[in-house]
Amino acid sequence: MRNGRSGQAQARIDVYGIPYGEDSYLGIQCKGKDEYTAKQLTEKEIQQEIEKAKNFEPSLKKMYFATTAVRDASVQTIIQ
């Protein structure tokens, strides 16, 4: 389910729900990045998003990031 709309406080979660066969909520944070400027998620930005998501209600068992940023092994390692 989408959480609010653009510009509203969302505790950093854009989409959330309970997957089929699961009993706990998961959340998805979408981070759009302009691929032409090679912008990338930073470790600081990732940690800030995770801290904000801890206040999300209902509480989340898992959090995923979806991004248009170019693939980066170090960022993937941080998120994992």
Protein backbone atom coordinates (compact mmCIF):
# COMPACT_ATOMS: atom_id res chain seq x y z
CA MET A 1 0.00 0.00 0.00
CA ARG A 2 1.33 3.47 -0.79
CA ASN A 3 2.07 5.59 2.23
CA GLY A 4 0.69 9.11 1.88
CA ARG A 5 1.66 11.24 -1.11
CA SER A 6 4.63 13.26 -2.25
CA GLY A 7 5.53 16.00 0.21
CA GLN A 8 3.88 14.39 3.23
CA ALA A 9 5.73 13.03 6.26
CA GLN A 10 6.09 9.29 5.74
CA ALA A 11 8.68 8.14 8.30
CA ARG A 12 10.75 7.50 5.14
CA ILE A 13 8.60 4.62 3.85
CA ASP A 14 6.89 4.96 0.48
CA VAL A 15 5.26 1.53 0.15
CA TYR A 16 4.48 -1.01 2.86
CA GLY A 17 2.51 -4.17 3.43
CA ILE A 18 2.55 -7.77 4.59
CA PRO A 19 3.78 -10.09 1.81
CA TYR A 20 1.77 -13.22 1.04
CA GLY A 21 2.75 -15.97 3.46
CA GLU A 22 4.38 -13.57 5.93
CA ASP A 23 3.07 -12.21 9.22
CA SER A 24 5.07 -8.98 9.51
CA TYR A 25 5.20 -5.68 7.62
CA LEU A 26 7.98 -4.72 5.26
CA GLY A 27 8.64 -1.26 3.90
CA ILE A 28 10.15 0.13 0.73
CA GLN A 29 11.95 3.47 0.49
CA CYS A 30 12.15 4.78 -3.06
CA LYS A 31 15.15 6.98 -3.85
CA GLY A 32 15.13 8.53 -7.29
CA LYS A 33 18.56 9.55 -8.59
CA ASP A 34 19.37 11.12 -11.93
CA GLU A 35 21.43 8.55 -13.80
CA TYR A 36 22.89 11.19 -16.10
CA THR A 37 24.68 12.94 -13.24
CA ALA A 38 25.80 9.62 -11.70
CA LYS A 39 24.30 10.57 -8.33
CA GLN A 40 24.54 7.78 -5.81
CA LEU A 41 23.11 6.91 -2.42
CA THR A 42 25.59 7.66 0.34
CA GLU A 43 26.20 5.72 3.53
CA LYS A 44 25.03 8.75 5.54
CA GLU A 45 21.79 9.00 3.53
CA ILE A 46 21.14 5.26 3.95
CA GLN A 47 21.67 5.41 7.72
CA GLN A 48 19.42 8.49 8.03
CA GLU A 49 16.63 6.73 6.11
CA ILE A 50 16.91 3.63 8.32
CA GLU A 51 16.78 5.70 11.52
CA LYS A 52 13.68 7.56 10.33
CA ALA A 53 12.00 4.29 9.32
CA LYS A 54 12.34 3.00 12.88
CA ASN A 55 9.49 5.39 13.77
CA PHE A 56 7.16 3.96 11.13
CA GLU A 57 3.87 2.54 12.40
CA PRO A 58 3.15 -0.32 12.12
CA SER A 59 6.69 -1.45 12.91
CA LEU A 60 8.62 -3.06 10.08
CA LYS A 61 10.43 -6.38 10.08
CA LYS A 62 12.35 -5.51 6.90
CA MET A 63 13.14 -2.41 4.88
CA TYR A 64 14.12 -2.32 1.22
CA PHE A 65 15.55 0.46 -0.91
CA ALA A 66 14.45 0.91 -4.52
CA THR A 67 16.52 3.38 -6.51
CA THR A 68 17.26 4.61 -9.99
CA ALA A 69 20.90 5.20 -9.00
CA VAL A 70 23.58 3.30 -10.87
CA ARG A 71 24.68 0.02 -9.30
CA ASP A 72 27.46 0.36 -6.77
CA ALA A 73 28.97 -2.59 -4.87
CA SER A 74 29.85 -0.56 -1.75
CA VAL A 75 26.30 0.85 -1.47
CA GLN A 76 24.81 -2.61 -1.93
CA THR A 77 27.05 -3.95 0.85
CA ILE A 78 25.96 -1.17 3.23
CA ILE A 79 22.27 -1.82 2.57
CA GLN A 80 22.59 -5.59 2.92
